[in-house]
Amino acid sequence: MSHDANTIDQRSHEGNLNRLGFWIFLTAEVSLFGTLFATLL
């Protein structure tokens, strides 16, 4: 029982990390393109 709960917690934790990494990547991409666009203007 506790082993199953542990597995679920781990999976949900990994999902949160993936989501966080995705948002960090998205923000970096947006700021990078924003800087590039501002430089070109």
PDB file of N, CA and C in Angstrom:
ATOM      1  N   MET A   1       0.833  -1.201   0.000  1.00  0.00           N
ATOM      2  CA  MET A   1       0.000   0.000   0.000  1.00  0.00           C
ATOM      3  C   MET A   1       0.875   1.263   0.000  1.00  0.00           C
ATOM      4  N   SER A   2       1.783   1.348   0.957  1.00  0.00           N
ATOM      5  CA  SER A   2       2.631   2.538   1.030  1.00  0.00           C
ATOM      6  C   SER A   2       3.544   2.618  -0.198  1.00  0.00           C
ATOM      7  N   HIS A   3       3.921   1.452  -0.738  1.00  0.00           N
ATOM      8  CA  HIS A   3       4.778   1.442  -1.929  1.00  0.00           C
ATOM      9  C   HIS A   3       4.026   2.058  -3.113  1.00  0.00           C
ATOM     10  N   ASP A   4       2.743   1.737  -3.252  1.00  0.00           N
ATOM     11  CA  ASP A   4       1.945   2.306  -4.340  1.00  0.00           C
ATOM     12  C   ASP A   4       1.839   3.821  -4.174  1.00  0.00           C
ATOM     13  N   ALA A   5       1.604   4.271  -2.944  1.00  0.00           N
ATOM     14  CA  ALA A   5       1.495   5.710  -2.680  1.00  0.00           C
ATOM     15  C   ALA A   5       2.816   6.398  -3.017  1.00  0.00           C
ATOM     16  N   ASN A   6       3.920   5.734  -2.683  1.00  0.00           N
ATOM     17  CA  ASN A   6       5.240   6.291  -2.985  1.00  0.00           C
ATOM     18  C   ASN A   6       5.410   6.468  -4.489  1.00  0.00           C
ATOM     19  N   THR A   7       5.012   5.455  -5.253  1.00  0.00           N
ATOM     20  CA  THR A   7       5.153   5.514  -6.708  1.00  0.00           C
ATOM     21  C   THR A   7       4.318   6.659  -7.277  1.00  0.00           C
ATOM     22  N   ILE A   8       3.099   6.815  -6.765  1.00  0.00           N
ATOM     23  CA  ILE A   8       2.222   7.885  -7.245  1.00  0.00           C
ATOM     24  C   ILE A   8       2.830   9.250  -6.911  1.00  0.00           C
ATOM     25  N   ASP A   9       3.353   9.390  -5.691  1.00  0.00           N
ATOM     26  CA  ASP A   9       3.978  10.656  -5.297  1.00  0.00           C
ATOM     27  C   ASP A   9       5.160  10.976  -6.209  1.00  0.00           C
ATOM     28  N   GLN A  10       5.972   9.965  -6.484  1.00  0.00           N
ATOM     29  CA  GLN A  10       7.151  10.162  -7.327  1.00  0.00           C
ATOM     30  C   GLN A  10       6.732  10.594  -8.732  1.00  0.00           C
ATOM     31  N   ARG A  11       5.714   9.930  -9.274  1.00  0.00           N
ATOM     32  CA  ARG A  11       5.272  10.254 -10.633  1.00  0.00           C
ATOM     33  C   ARG A  11       4.749  11.691 -10.679  1.00  0.00           C
ATOM     34  N   SER A  12       3.964  12.074  -9.675  1.00  0.00           N
ATOM     35  CA  SER A  12       3.403  13.421  -9.650  1.00  0.00           C
ATOM     36  C   SER A  12       4.515  14.451  -9.462  1.00  0.00           C
ATOM     37  N   HIS A  13       5.531  14.093  -8.669  1.00  0.00           N
ATOM     38  CA  HIS A  13       6.665  15.003  -8.459  1.00  0.00           C
ATOM     39  C   HIS A  13       7.417  15.207  -9.774  1.00  0.00           C
ATOM     40  N   GLU A  14       7.652  14.129 -10.509  1.00  0.00           N
ATOM     41  CA  GLU A  14       8.345  14.228 -11.798  1.00  0.00           C
ATOM     42  C   GLU A  14       7.517  15.055 -12.780  1.00  0.00           C
ATOM     43  N   GLY A  15       6.199  14.889 -12.737  1.00  0.00           N
ATOM     44  CA  GLY A  15       5.330  15.663 -13.613  1.00  0.00           C
ATOM     45  C   GLY A  15       5.447  17.148 -13.319  1.00  0.00           C
ATOM     46  N   ASN A  16       5.507  17.496 -12.024  1.00  0.00           N
ATOM     47  CA  ASN A  16       5.658  18.898 -11.643  1.00  0.00           C
ATOM     48  C   ASN A  16       6.993  19.450 -12.119  1.00  0.00           C
ATOM     49  N   LEU A  17       8.043  18.659 -12.012  1.00  0.00           N
ATOM     50  CA  LEU A  17       9.369  19.100 -12.465  1.00  0.00           C
ATOM     51  C   LEU A  17       9.356  19.320 -13.971  1.00  0.00           C
ATOM     52  N   ASN A  18       8.709  18.419 -14.711  1.00  0.00           N
ATOM     53  CA  ASN A  18       8.643  18.557 -16.167  1.00  0.00           C
ATOM     54  C   ASN A  18       7.882  19.825 -16.542  1.00  0.00           C
ATOM     55  N   ARG A  19       6.781  20.091 -15.813  1.00  0.00           N
ATOM     56  CA  ARG A  19       5.987  21.281 -16.097  1.00  0.00           C
ATOM     57  C   ARG A  19       6.817  22.533 -15.805  1.00  0.00           C
ATOM     58  N   LEU A  20       7.547  22.503 -14.690  1.00  0.00           N
ATOM     59  CA  LEU A  20       8.379  23.648 -14.313  1.00  0.00           C
ATOM     60  C   LEU A  20       9.455  23.887 -15.366  1.00  0.00           C
ATOM     61  N   GLY A  21      10.107  22.812 -15.800  1.00  0.00           N
ATOM     62  CA  GLY A  21      11.142  22.930 -16.819  1.00  0.00           C
ATOM     63  C   GLY A  21      10.574  23.479 -18.122  1.00  0.00           C
ATOM     64  N   PHE A  22       9.348  23.056 -18.455  1.00  0.00           N
ATOM     65  CA  PHE A  22       8.702  23.529 -19.682  1.00  0.00           C
ATOM     66  C   PHE A  22       8.459  25.032 -19.618  1.00  0.00           C
ATOM     67  N   TRP A  23       7.957  25.513 -18.464  1.00  0.00           N
ATOM     68  CA  TRP A  23       7.673  26.944 -18.320  1.00  0.00           C
ATOM     69  C   TRP A  23       8.955  27.765 -18.340  1.00  0.00           C
ATOM     70  N   ILE A  24      10.029  27.222 -17.709  1.00  0.00           N
ATOM     71  CA  ILE A  24      11.316  27.926 -17.718  1.00  0.00           C
ATOM     72  C   ILE A  24      11.830  28.029 -19.156  1.00  0.00           C
ATOM     73  N   PHE A  25      11.709  26.922 -19.901  1.00  0.00           N
ATOM     74  CA  PHE A  25      12.145  26.903 -21.297  1.00  0.00           C
ATOM     75  C   PHE A  25      11.326  27.896 -22.122  1.00  0.00           C
ATOM     76  N   LEU A  26       9.997  27.899 -21.903  1.00  0.00           N
ATOM     77  CA  LEU A  26       9.114  28.788 -22.645  1.00  0.00           C
ATOM     78  C   LEU A  26       9.468  30.249 -22.366  1.00  0.00           C
ATOM     79  N   THR A  27       9.671  30.576 -21.090  1.00  0.00           N
ATOM     80  CA  THR A  27      10.020  31.947 -20.706  1.00  0.00           C
ATOM     81  C   THR A  27      11.351  32.364 -21.322  1.00  0.00           C
ATOM     82  N   ALA A  28      12.314  31.438 -21.315  1.00  0.00           N
ATOM     83  CA  ALA A  28      13.625  31.748 -21.892  1.00  0.00           C
ATOM     84  C   ALA A  28      13.500  32.000 -23.393  1.00  0.00           C
ATOM     85  N   GLU A  29      12.702  31.176 -24.066  1.00  0.00           N
ATOM     86  CA  GLU A  29      12.500  31.345 -25.508  1.00  0.00           C
ATOM     87  C   GLU A  29      11.855  32.695 -25.806  1.00  0.00           C
ATOM     88  N   VAL A  30      10.811  33.037 -25.054  1.00  0.00           N
ATOM     89  CA  VAL A  30      10.097  34.299 -25.280  1.00  0.00           C
ATOM     90  C   VAL A  30      11.023  35.492 -25.051  1.00  0.00           C
ATOM     91  N   SER A  31      11.783  35.459 -23.953  1.00  0.00           N
ATOM     92  CA  SER A  31      12.676  36.584 -23.656  1.00  0.00           C
ATOM     93  C   SER A  31      13.790  36.672 -24.700  1.00  0.00           C
ATOM     94  N   LEU A  32      14.263  35.511 -25.162  1.00  0.00           N
ATOM     95  CA  LEU A  32      15.318  35.493 -26.180  1.00  0.00           C
ATOM     96  C   LEU A  32      14.810  36.106 -27.482  1.00  0.00           C
ATOM     97  N   PHE A  33      13.631  35.668 -27.920  1.00  0.00           N
ATOM     98  CA  PHE A  33      13.071  36.202 -29.160  1.00  0.00           C
ATOM     99  C   PHE A  33      12.704  37.674 -28.994  1.00  0.00           C
ATOM    100  N   GLY A  34      12.245  38.050 -27.797  1.00  0.00           N
ATOM    101  CA  GLY A  34      11.915  39.449 -27.533  1.00  0.00           C
ATOM    102  C   GLY A  34      13.148  40.326 -27.655  1.00  0.00           C
ATOM    103  N   THR A  35      14.256  39.864 -27.094  1.00  0.00           N
ATOM    104  CA  THR A  35      15.514  40.618 -27.171  1.00  0.00           C
ATOM    105  C   THR A  35      15.992  40.711 -28.616  1.00  0.00           C
ATOM    106  N   LEU A  36      15.903  39.600 -29.335  1.00  0.00           N
ATOM    107  CA  LEU A  36      16.321  39.564 -30.735  1.00  0.00           C
ATOM    108  C   LEU A  36      15.461  40.514 -31.573  1.00  0.00           C
ATOM    109  N   PHE A  37      14.156  40.477 -31.323  1.00  0.00           N
ATOM    110  CA  PHE A  37      13.228  41.329 -32.061  1.00  0.00           C
ATOM    111  C   PHE A  37      13.508  42.805 -31.779  1.00  0.00           C
ATOM    112  N   ALA A  38      13.737  43.139 -30.503  1.00  0.00           N
ATOM    113  CA  ALA A  38      14.020  44.525 -30.121  1.00  0.00           C
ATOM    114  C   ALA A  38      15.333  44.991 -30.753  1.00  0.00           C
ATOM    115  N   THR A  39      16.303  44.093 -30.838  1.00  0.00           N
ATOM    116  CA  THR A  39      17.595  44.439 -31.443  1.00  0.00           C
ATOM    117  C   THR A  39      17.428  44.707 -32.942  1.00  0.00           C
ATOM    118  N   LEU A  40      16.603  43.893 -33.597  1.00  0.00           N
ATOM    119  CA  LEU A  40      16.380  44.064 -35.035  1.00  0.00           C
ATOM    120  C   LEU A  40      15.617  45.351 -35.318  1.00  0.00           C
ATOM    121  N   LEU A  41      14.741  45.755 -34.408  1.00  0.00           N
ATOM    122  CA  LEU A  41      14.008  46.998 -34.601  1.00  0.00           C
ATOM    123  C   LEU A  41      14.947  48.189 -34.421  1.00  0.00           C
TER     124      LEU A  41
END
